[in-house]
Amino acid sequence: MKPGNFSKIVLLFTLLFFYIPIVVLVIFSFNSSKSPEWTGFSLRWYYQLFTSSNHIWRTFVNSLIVGISASLFSVIIGTLGAISMYLGSEKFKKLMWTTTYIPFIVPDIIIGVSLLIFFTTVHLKLSLFTIFLAHVTFSIPYTMMIILTRLQDFDKSIIEAAYDLGAARFTTLRKVIIPIAFPGVVAAFFMAFTLSIDDFVITFFVAGPGSTTLPLQIFSMVRFGISPVINAISTLLLVGTIFISIFLRRYVRYII
């Protein structure tokens, strides 16, 4: 067997391993019964999701509030950090790169426990606000790296040319650097939003009473048995993610 054919077979089985469970989840969201056996097509669980699952929608709204706000703040901080790394000296860039890279390799459970200890030490009540702070914290490194990667595709001579033409630093920042980085900013926002919506481990440690997010709600429901309603909302989240991905790809393509 040729090495190329073997690689294709391994890739095919890997993709099947990852995607078959998702396909099964989508199919059984339309199953008419709770049993793991197919008994017929039905929209029963979607109807139940939209008519008698207010607790799920409340947690979904909490996730949206935290996700959007945390993504905005992390993108703002990440953009400023990426620009400082892009324009800074090599020594400063190496220091910042090392510092920013550390959260990528630190396990989520350590970050969650550390934040819990910190919030407890400063007597900050666990709530949606502490979840927001935690999500901003772990999203900043991702936003910085994405935006910095975008900036590194351009030569600094463009900025020097703006200075030579008499542009002030703030004007150069507003009319040259930020427009160049904007596609990366958009991508960083959606990456941070995805991480926030999806996060369970860190949120589990920093969430307080009445501040349950959707992943925490799904986990609590799974503990008492898998409900087909979970399949329904997971399918809707999957469709929403695909739609956002397609929209983002087209949008970024036109603003580059």
C-alpha atoms as a PDB file:
ATOM      1  CA  MET A   1       0.000   0.000   0.000  1.00  0.00           C
ATOM      2  CA  LYS A   2       1.297   3.435  -0.935  1.00  0.00           C
ATOM      3  CA  PRO A   3       2.052   5.822   1.978  1.00  0.00           C
ATOM      4  CA  GLY A   4      -0.374   8.351   0.508  1.00  0.00           C
ATOM      5  CA  ASN A   5      -3.242   5.836   0.446  1.00  0.00           C
ATOM      6  CA  PHE A   6      -2.549   4.808   4.050  1.00  0.00           C
ATOM      7  CA  SER A   7      -2.679   8.458   5.133  1.00  0.00           C
ATOM      8  CA  LYS A   8      -6.020   8.898   3.361  1.00  0.00           C
ATOM      9  CA  ILE A   9      -7.464   5.832   5.105  1.00  0.00           C
ATOM     10  CA  VAL A  10      -6.297   7.071   8.527  1.00  0.00           C
ATOM     11  CA  LEU A  11      -7.781  10.505   7.781  1.00  0.00           C
ATOM     12  CA  LEU A  12     -11.086   8.945   6.695  1.00  0.00           C
ATOM     13  CA  PHE A  13     -11.426   6.828   9.849  1.00  0.00           C
ATOM     14  CA  THR A  14     -10.476   9.823  12.018  1.00  0.00           C
ATOM     15  CA  LEU A  15     -13.171  11.975  10.419  1.00  0.00           C
ATOM     16  CA  LEU A  16     -15.724   9.178  10.795  1.00  0.00           C
ATOM     17  CA  PHE A  17     -14.780   8.790  14.460  1.00  0.00           C
ATOM     18  CA  PHE A  18     -15.377  12.496  15.085  1.00  0.00           C
ATOM     19  CA  TYR A  19     -18.464  13.076  12.961  1.00  0.00           C
ATOM     20  CA  ILE A  20     -20.544   9.903  13.321  1.00  0.00           C
ATOM     21  CA  PRO A  21     -21.543  10.752  16.956  1.00  0.00           C
ATOM     22  CA  ILE A  22     -22.655  14.202  15.793  1.00  0.00           C
ATOM     23  CA  VAL A  23     -24.720  12.703  12.972  1.00  0.00           C
ATOM     24  CA  VAL A  24     -26.310  10.243  15.410  1.00  0.00           C
ATOM     25  CA  LEU A  25     -27.141  13.087  17.800  1.00  0.00           C
ATOM     26  CA  VAL A  26     -28.855  15.062  15.024  1.00  0.00           C
ATOM     27  CA  ILE A  27     -30.825  12.027  13.835  1.00  0.00           C
ATOM     28  CA  PHE A  28     -32.073  11.104  17.306  1.00  0.00           C
ATOM     29  CA  SER A  29     -33.170  14.679  17.964  1.00  0.00           C
ATOM     30  CA  PHE A  30     -36.014  13.782  15.566  1.00  0.00           C
ATOM     31  CA  ASN A  31     -36.763  10.438  17.216  1.00  0.00           C
ATOM     32  CA  SER A  32     -40.315  10.097  18.518  1.00  0.00           C
ATOM     33  CA  SER A  33     -39.330   8.329  21.763  1.00  0.00           C
ATOM     34  CA  LYS A  34     -36.716   8.607  24.491  1.00  0.00           C
ATOM     35  CA  SER A  35     -35.326   5.153  23.776  1.00  0.00           C
ATOM     36  CA  PRO A  36     -31.994   4.827  21.963  1.00  0.00           C
ATOM     37  CA  GLU A  37     -33.829   2.950  19.200  1.00  0.00           C
ATOM     38  CA  TRP A  38     -35.383   4.713  16.235  1.00  0.00           C
ATOM     39  CA  THR A  39     -39.179   4.567  16.481  1.00  0.00           C
ATOM     40  CA  GLY A  40     -40.211   7.208  13.961  1.00  0.00           C
ATOM     41  CA  PHE A  41     -39.747  10.813  12.865  1.00  0.00           C
ATOM     42  CA  SER A  42     -41.104  13.500  15.192  1.00  0.00           C
ATOM     43  CA  LEU A  43     -40.586  17.141  16.140  1.00  0.00           C
ATOM     44  CA  ARG A  44     -41.720  16.370  19.665  1.00  0.00           C
ATOM     45  CA  TRP A  45     -38.479  17.351  21.363  1.00  0.00           C
ATOM     46  CA  TYR A  46     -38.144  20.622  19.463  1.00  0.00           C
ATOM     47  CA  TYR A  47     -41.714  21.479  20.443  1.00  0.00           C
ATOM     48  CA  GLN A  48     -40.893  20.682  24.074  1.00  0.00           C
ATOM     49  CA  LEU A  49     -37.727  22.743  23.841  1.00  0.00           C
ATOM     50  CA  PHE A  50     -39.608  25.857  22.685  1.00  0.00           C
ATOM     51  CA  THR A  51     -42.730  25.449  24.839  1.00  0.00           C
ATOM     52  CA  SER A  52     -41.735  23.944  28.192  1.00  0.00           C
ATOM     53  CA  SER A  53     -37.987  24.408  28.625  1.00  0.00           C
ATOM     54  CA  ASN A  54     -37.747  27.922  30.020  1.00  0.00           C
ATOM     55  CA  HIS A  55     -34.879  26.870  32.311  1.00  0.00           C
ATOM     56  CA  ILE A  56     -32.786  25.955  29.279  1.00  0.00           C
ATOM     57  CA  TRP A  57     -33.456  29.266  27.546  1.00  0.00           C
ATOM     58  CA  ARG A  58     -32.576  31.212  30.698  1.00  0.00           C
ATOM     59  CA  THR A  59     -29.186  29.527  30.805  1.00  0.00           C
ATOM     60  CA  PHE A  60     -28.788  30.110  27.074  1.00  0.00           C
ATOM     61  CA  VAL A  61     -29.409  33.839  27.581  1.00  0.00           C
ATOM     62  CA  ASN A  62     -26.813  33.812  30.392  1.00  0.00           C
ATOM     63  CA  SER A  63     -24.331  32.203  28.011  1.00  0.00           C
ATOM     64  CA  LEU A  64     -25.058  34.831  25.352  1.00  0.00           C
ATOM     65  CA  ILE A  65     -24.640  37.700  27.816  1.00  0.00           C
ATOM     66  CA  VAL A  66     -21.324  36.373  29.088  1.00  0.00           C
ATOM     67  CA  GLY A  67     -20.128  35.266  25.646  1.00  0.00           C
ATOM     68  CA  ILE A  68     -20.778  38.544  23.833  1.00  0.00           C
ATOM     69  CA  SER A  69     -19.514  40.822  26.611  1.00  0.00           C
ATOM     70  CA  ALA A  70     -16.425  38.710  27.339  1.00  0.00           C
ATOM     71  CA  SER A  71     -15.615  38.476  23.631  1.00  0.00           C
ATOM     72  CA  LEU A  72     -15.851  42.248  23.184  1.00  0.00           C
ATOM     73  CA  PHE A  73     -13.577  42.979  26.145  1.00  0.00           C
ATOM     74  CA  SER A  74     -11.062  40.266  25.248  1.00  0.00           C
ATOM     75  CA  VAL A  75     -10.914  41.508  21.642  1.00  0.00           C
ATOM     76  CA  ILE A  76     -10.291  45.098  22.777  1.00  0.00           C
ATOM     77  CA  ILE A  77      -7.510  44.030  25.146  1.00  0.00           C
ATOM     78  CA  GLY A  78      -6.172  41.487  22.648  1.00  0.00           C
ATOM     79  CA  THR A  79      -6.057  44.087  19.872  1.00  0.00           C
ATOM     80  CA  LEU A  80      -4.083  46.516  22.007  1.00  0.00           C
ATOM     81  CA  GLY A  81      -1.743  43.732  23.104  1.00  0.00           C
ATOM     82  CA  ALA A  82      -1.224  42.478  19.549  1.00  0.00           C
ATOM     83  CA  ILE A  83      -0.461  45.975  18.279  1.00  0.00           C
ATOM     84  CA  SER A  84       2.060  46.547  21.094  1.00  0.00           C
ATOM     85  CA  MET A  85       3.746  43.240  20.239  1.00  0.00           C
ATOM     86  CA  TYR A  86       3.729  44.067  16.523  1.00  0.00           C
ATOM     87  CA  LEU A  87       5.317  47.489  17.005  1.00  0.00           C
ATOM     88  CA  GLY A  88       7.511  46.596  19.986  1.00  0.00           C
ATOM     89  CA  SER A  89      11.102  45.477  20.081  1.00  0.00           C
ATOM     90  CA  GLU A  90      12.121  41.860  19.560  1.00  0.00           C
ATOM     91  CA  LYS A  91      12.978  41.492  23.251  1.00  0.00           C
ATOM     92  CA  PHE A  92       9.575  42.801  24.294  1.00  0.00           C
ATOM     93  CA  LYS A  93       7.865  40.595  21.693  1.00  0.00           C
ATOM     94  CA  LYS A  94       9.609  37.451  22.968  1.00  0.00           C
ATOM     95  CA  LEU A  95       8.686  38.278  26.564  1.00  0.00           C
ATOM     96  CA  MET A  96       5.044  38.911  25.674  1.00  0.00           C
ATOM     97  CA  TRP A  97       4.901  35.829  23.446  1.00  0.00           C
ATOM     98  CA  THR A  98       6.142  33.615  26.271  1.00  0.00           C
ATOM     99  CA  THR A  99       3.766  35.169  28.794  1.00  0.00           C
ATOM    100  CA  THR A 100       0.805  34.884  26.436  1.00  0.00           C
ATOM    101  CA  TYR A 101       1.629  31.306  25.464  1.00  0.00           C
ATOM    102  CA  ILE A 102       1.521  30.000  29.047  1.00  0.00           C
ATOM    103  CA  PRO A 103      -2.327  29.900  29.308  1.00  0.00           C
ATOM    104  CA  PHE A 104      -2.413  27.632  26.237  1.00  0.00           C
ATOM    105  CA  ILE A 105      -0.571  24.851  28.076  1.00  0.00           C
ATOM    106  CA  VAL A 106      -2.039  25.318  31.566  1.00  0.00           C
ATOM    107  CA  PRO A 107      -4.948  22.871  32.150  1.00  0.00           C
ATOM    108  CA  ASP A 108      -8.382  24.453  32.425  1.00  0.00           C
ATOM    109  CA  ILE A 109      -8.947  22.925  35.856  1.00  0.00           C
ATOM    110  CA  ILE A 110      -5.908  24.772  37.222  1.00  0.00           C
ATOM    111  CA  ILE A 111      -7.141  28.064  35.770  1.00  0.00           C
ATOM    112  CA  GLY A 112     -10.594  27.434  37.232  1.00  0.00           C
ATOM    113  CA  VAL A 113      -9.308  26.612  40.705  1.00  0.00           C
ATOM    114  CA  SER A 114      -6.897  29.571  40.653  1.00  0.00           C
ATOM    115  CA  LEU A 115      -9.657  31.993  39.710  1.00  0.00           C
ATOM    116  CA  LEU A 116     -11.955  30.533  42.361  1.00  0.00           C
ATOM    117  CA  ILE A 117      -9.278  31.036  45.045  1.00  0.00           C
ATOM    118  CA  PHE A 118      -8.643  34.576  43.803  1.00  0.00           C
ATOM    119  CA  PHE A 119     -12.325  35.553  43.813  1.00  0.00           C
ATOM    120  CA  THR A 120     -12.760  34.037  47.262  1.00  0.00           C
ATOM    121  CA  THR A 121      -9.690  35.865  48.573  1.00  0.00           C
ATOM    122  CA  VAL A 122     -10.919  39.268  47.382  1.00  0.00           C
ATOM    123  CA  HIS A 123     -14.438  38.453  48.643  1.00  0.00           C
ATOM    124  CA  LEU A 124     -16.000  38.718  45.200  1.00  0.00           C
ATOM    125  CA  LYS A 125     -19.368  36.954  45.089  1.00  0.00           C
ATOM    126  CA  LEU A 126     -19.596  34.232  42.463  1.00  0.00           C
ATOM    127  CA  SER A 127     -22.025  35.326  39.759  1.00  0.00           C
ATOM    128  CA  LEU A 128     -22.261  36.049  36.037  1.00  0.00           C
ATOM    129  CA  PHE A 129     -19.693  38.799  36.637  1.00  0.00           C
ATOM    130  CA  THR A 130     -17.065  36.333  37.868  1.00  0.00           C
ATOM    131  CA  ILE A 131     -17.841  34.089  34.883  1.00  0.00           C
ATOM    132  CA  PHE A 132     -17.367  37.134  32.650  1.00  0.00           C
ATOM    133  CA  LEU A 133     -13.982  37.905  34.238  1.00  0.00           C
ATOM    134  CA  ALA A 134     -12.877  34.288  33.885  1.00  0.00           C
ATOM    135  CA  HIS A 135     -13.885  34.124  30.216  1.00  0.00           C
ATOM    136  CA  VAL A 136     -12.098  37.380  29.436  1.00  0.00           C
ATOM    137  CA  THR A 137      -8.995  36.003  31.131  1.00  0.00           C
ATOM    138  CA  PHE A 138      -8.715  32.796  29.124  1.00  0.00           C
ATOM    139  CA  SER A 139      -9.854  34.412  25.838  1.00  0.00           C
ATOM    140  CA  ILE A 140      -7.237  37.183  25.708  1.00  0.00           C
ATOM    141  CA  PRO A 141      -4.315  34.931  24.637  1.00  0.00           C
ATOM    142  CA  TYR A 142      -6.371  33.528  21.743  1.00  0.00           C
ATOM    143  CA  THR A 143      -7.463  36.954  20.525  1.00  0.00           C
ATOM    144  CA  MET A 144      -3.922  38.324  20.774  1.00  0.00           C
ATOM    145  CA  MET A 145      -2.430  35.483  18.748  1.00  0.00           C
ATOM    146  CA  ILE A 146      -5.084  35.669  16.019  1.00  0.00           C
ATOM    147  CA  ILE A 147      -4.800  39.443  15.613  1.00  0.00           C
ATOM    148  CA  LEU A 148      -0.991  39.368  15.789  1.00  0.00           C
ATOM    149  CA  THR A 149      -0.924  36.724  13.051  1.00  0.00           C
ATOM    150  CA  ARG A 150      -3.000  39.049  10.878  1.00  0.00           C
ATOM    151  CA  LEU A 151      -0.684  41.998  11.528  1.00  0.00           C
ATOM    152  CA  GLN A 152       2.448  39.985  10.750  1.00  0.00           C
ATOM    153  CA  ASP A 153       1.225  39.484   7.180  1.00  0.00           C
ATOM    154  CA  PHE A 154       1.879  43.180   6.491  1.00  0.00           C
ATOM    155  CA  ASP A 155       5.131  45.070   6.202  1.00  0.00           C
ATOM    156  CA  LYS A 156       5.790  47.775   8.779  1.00  0.00           C
ATOM    157  CA  SER A 157       6.866  50.057   5.936  1.00  0.00           C
ATOM    158  CA  ILE A 158       3.148  50.849   5.429  1.00  0.00           C
ATOM    159  CA  ILE A 159       3.092  52.394   8.901  1.00  0.00           C
ATOM    160  CA  GLU A 160       6.365  54.212   8.286  1.00  0.00           C
ATOM    161  CA  ALA A 161       4.936  55.594   5.059  1.00  0.00           C
ATOM    162  CA  ALA A 162       1.945  56.955   6.988  1.00  0.00           C
ATOM    163  CA  TYR A 163       4.316  58.717   9.383  1.00  0.00           C
ATOM    164  CA  ASP A 164       6.317  60.140   6.468  1.00  0.00           C
ATOM    165  CA  LEU A 165       3.112  61.554   4.999  1.00  0.00           C
ATOM    166  CA  GLY A 166       2.461  63.459   8.226  1.00  0.00           C
ATOM    167  CA  ALA A 167      -0.040  61.191   9.976  1.00  0.00           C
ATOM    168  CA  ALA A 168      -0.031  61.363  13.751  1.00  0.00           C
ATOM    169  CA  ARG A 169       0.257  58.188  15.818  1.00  0.00           C
ATOM    170  CA  PHE A 170      -3.428  58.085  16.701  1.00  0.00           C
ATOM    171  CA  THR A 171      -4.396  58.729  13.072  1.00  0.00           C
ATOM    172  CA  THR A 172      -2.081  55.940  11.915  1.00  0.00           C
ATOM    173  CA  LEU A 173      -3.576  53.636  14.500  1.00  0.00           C
ATOM    174  CA  ARG A 174      -7.151  54.487  13.476  1.00  0.00           C
ATOM    175  CA  LYS A 175      -6.751  54.610   9.692  1.00  0.00           C
ATOM    176  CA  VAL A 176      -3.928  52.156   8.978  1.00  0.00           C
ATOM    177  CA  ILE A 177      -3.253  49.629  11.735  1.00  0.00           C
ATOM    178  CA  ILE A 178      -6.819  48.888  12.871  1.00  0.00           C
ATOM    179  CA  PRO A 179      -8.201  48.503   9.298  1.00  0.00           C
ATOM    180  CA  ILE A 180      -5.345  46.114   8.542  1.00  0.00           C
ATOM    181  CA  ALA A 181      -6.057  44.113  11.692  1.00  0.00           C
ATOM    182  CA  PHE A 182      -9.858  44.212  11.370  1.00  0.00           C
ATOM    183  CA  PRO A 183     -10.350  40.796   9.686  1.00  0.00           C
ATOM    184  CA  GLY A 184      -8.273  39.298  12.493  1.00  0.00           C
ATOM    185  CA  VAL A 185     -10.356  41.202  15.049  1.00  0.00           C
ATOM    186  CA  VAL A 186     -13.559  39.720  13.603  1.00  0.00           C
ATOM    187  CA  ALA A 187     -12.077  36.212  13.606  1.00  0.00           C
ATOM    188  CA  ALA A 188     -10.782  36.707  17.159  1.00  0.00           C
ATOM    189  CA  PHE A 189     -14.215  37.829  18.369  1.00  0.00           C
ATOM    190  CA  PHE A 190     -15.927  34.722  17.028  1.00  0.00           C
ATOM    191  CA  MET A 191     -13.165  32.501  18.393  1.00  0.00           C
ATOM    192  CA  ALA A 192     -13.546  34.053  21.855  1.00  0.00           C
ATOM    193  CA  PHE A 193     -17.337  33.760  21.604  1.00  0.00           C
ATOM    194  CA  THR A 194     -17.079  30.083  20.674  1.00  0.00           C
ATOM    195  CA  LEU A 195     -14.706  29.397  23.570  1.00  0.00           C
ATOM    196  CA  SER A 196     -17.022  31.199  25.974  1.00  0.00           C
ATOM    197  CA  ILE A 197     -20.205  29.441  24.850  1.00  0.00           C
ATOM    198  CA  ASP A 198     -18.457  26.076  24.944  1.00  0.00           C
ATOM    199  CA  ASP A 199     -16.569  26.398  28.229  1.00  0.00           C
ATOM    200  CA  PHE A 200     -17.579  24.124  31.088  1.00  0.00           C
ATOM    201  CA  VAL A 201     -14.586  23.401  33.342  1.00  0.00           C
ATOM    202  CA  ILE A 202     -13.591  26.966  34.246  1.00  0.00           C
ATOM    203  CA  THR A 203     -17.215  28.115  34.416  1.00  0.00           C
ATOM    204  CA  PHE A 204     -18.013  25.258  36.794  1.00  0.00           C
ATOM    205  CA  PHE A 205     -15.615  26.693  39.400  1.00  0.00           C
ATOM    206  CA  VAL A 206     -16.526  30.382  39.128  1.00  0.00           C
ATOM    207  CA  ALA A 207     -20.323  30.160  38.715  1.00  0.00           C
ATOM    208  CA  GLY A 208     -22.575  31.022  41.627  1.00  0.00           C
ATOM    209  CA  PRO A 209     -26.261  30.479  42.428  1.00  0.00           C
ATOM    210  CA  GLY A 210     -28.495  31.772  39.661  1.00  0.00           C
ATOM    211  CA  SER A 211     -25.620  32.152  37.198  1.00  0.00           C
ATOM    212  CA  THR A 212     -25.872  28.829  35.376  1.00  0.00           C
ATOM    213  CA  THR A 213     -24.764  28.802  31.752  1.00  0.00           C
ATOM    214  CA  LEU A 214     -25.932  26.413  29.039  1.00  0.00           C
ATOM    215  CA  PRO A 215     -23.010  23.923  29.371  1.00  0.00           C
ATOM    216  CA  LEU A 216     -23.611  23.699  33.124  1.00  0.00           C
ATOM    217  CA  GLN A 217     -27.339  23.186  32.524  1.00  0.00           C
ATOM    218  CA  ILE A 218     -26.721  20.415  29.992  1.00  0.00           C
ATOM    219  CA  PHE A 219     -24.302  18.722  32.396  1.00  0.00           C
ATOM    220  CA  SER A 220     -26.859  18.789  35.200  1.00  0.00           C
ATOM    221  CA  MET A 221     -29.488  17.317  32.864  1.00  0.00           C
ATOM    222  CA  VAL A 222     -27.171  14.546  31.652  1.00  0.00           C
ATOM    223  CA  ARG A 223     -26.516  13.447  35.235  1.00  0.00           C
ATOM    224  CA  PHE A 224     -30.151  12.332  35.480  1.00  0.00           C
ATOM    225  CA  GLY A 225     -30.240  10.637  32.089  1.00  0.00           C
ATOM    226  CA  ILE A 226     -29.878  11.837  28.529  1.00  0.00           C
ATOM    227  CA  SER A 227     -32.999  13.694  27.438  1.00  0.00           C
ATOM    228  CA  PRO A 228     -33.756  14.040  23.710  1.00  0.00           C
ATOM    229  CA  VAL A 229     -34.282  17.755  24.414  1.00  0.00           C
ATOM    230  CA  ILE A 230     -30.497  17.947  24.800  1.00  0.00           C
ATOM    231  CA  ASN A 231     -30.184  16.469  21.309  1.00  0.00           C
ATOM    232  CA  ALA A 232     -32.560  19.131  19.990  1.00  0.00           C
ATOM    233  CA  ILE A 233     -30.745  22.116  21.453  1.00  0.00           C
ATOM    234  CA  SER A 234     -27.368  20.621  20.481  1.00  0.00           C
ATOM    235  CA  THR A 235     -28.608  20.336  16.899  1.00  0.00           C
ATOM    236  CA  LEU A 236     -29.724  23.964  16.914  1.00  0.00           C
ATOM    237  CA  LEU A 237     -26.345  25.044  18.283  1.00  0.00           C
ATOM    238  CA  LEU A 238     -24.630  23.020  15.559  1.00  0.00           C
ATOM    239  CA  VAL A 239     -26.738  24.645  12.834  1.00  0.00           C
ATOM    240  CA  GLY A 240     -26.072  28.081  14.324  1.00  0.00           C
ATOM    241  CA  THR A 241     -22.332  27.423  14.405  1.00  0.00           C
ATOM    242  CA  ILE A 242     -22.310  26.313  10.770  1.00  0.00           C
ATOM    243  CA  PHE A 243     -24.299  29.404   9.758  1.00  0.00           C
ATOM    244  CA  ILE A 244     -21.924  31.737  11.612  1.00  0.00           C
ATOM    245  CA  SER A 245     -18.901  29.997  10.063  1.00  0.00           C
ATOM    246  CA  ILE A 246     -20.275  30.431   6.531  1.00  0.00           C
ATOM    247  CA  PHE A 247     -21.217  34.054   7.209  1.00  0.00           C
ATOM    248  CA  LEU A 248     -17.820  34.804   8.755  1.00  0.00           C
ATOM    249  CA  ARG A 249     -15.935  33.239   5.861  1.00  0.00           C
ATOM    250  CA  ARG A 250     -17.807  35.325   3.299  1.00  0.00           C
ATOM    251  CA  TYR A 251     -17.644  38.503   5.376  1.00  0.00           C
ATOM    252  CA  VAL A 252     -13.921  38.311   6.089  1.00  0.00           C
ATOM    253  CA  ARG A 253     -13.242  37.549   2.446  1.00  0.00           C
ATOM    254  CA  TYR A 254     -14.849  40.839   1.397  1.00  0.00           C
ATOM    255  CA  ILE A 255     -13.167  43.036   3.982  1.00  0.00           C
ATOM    256  CA  ILE A 256      -9.587  41.793   3.466  1.00  0.00           C
END
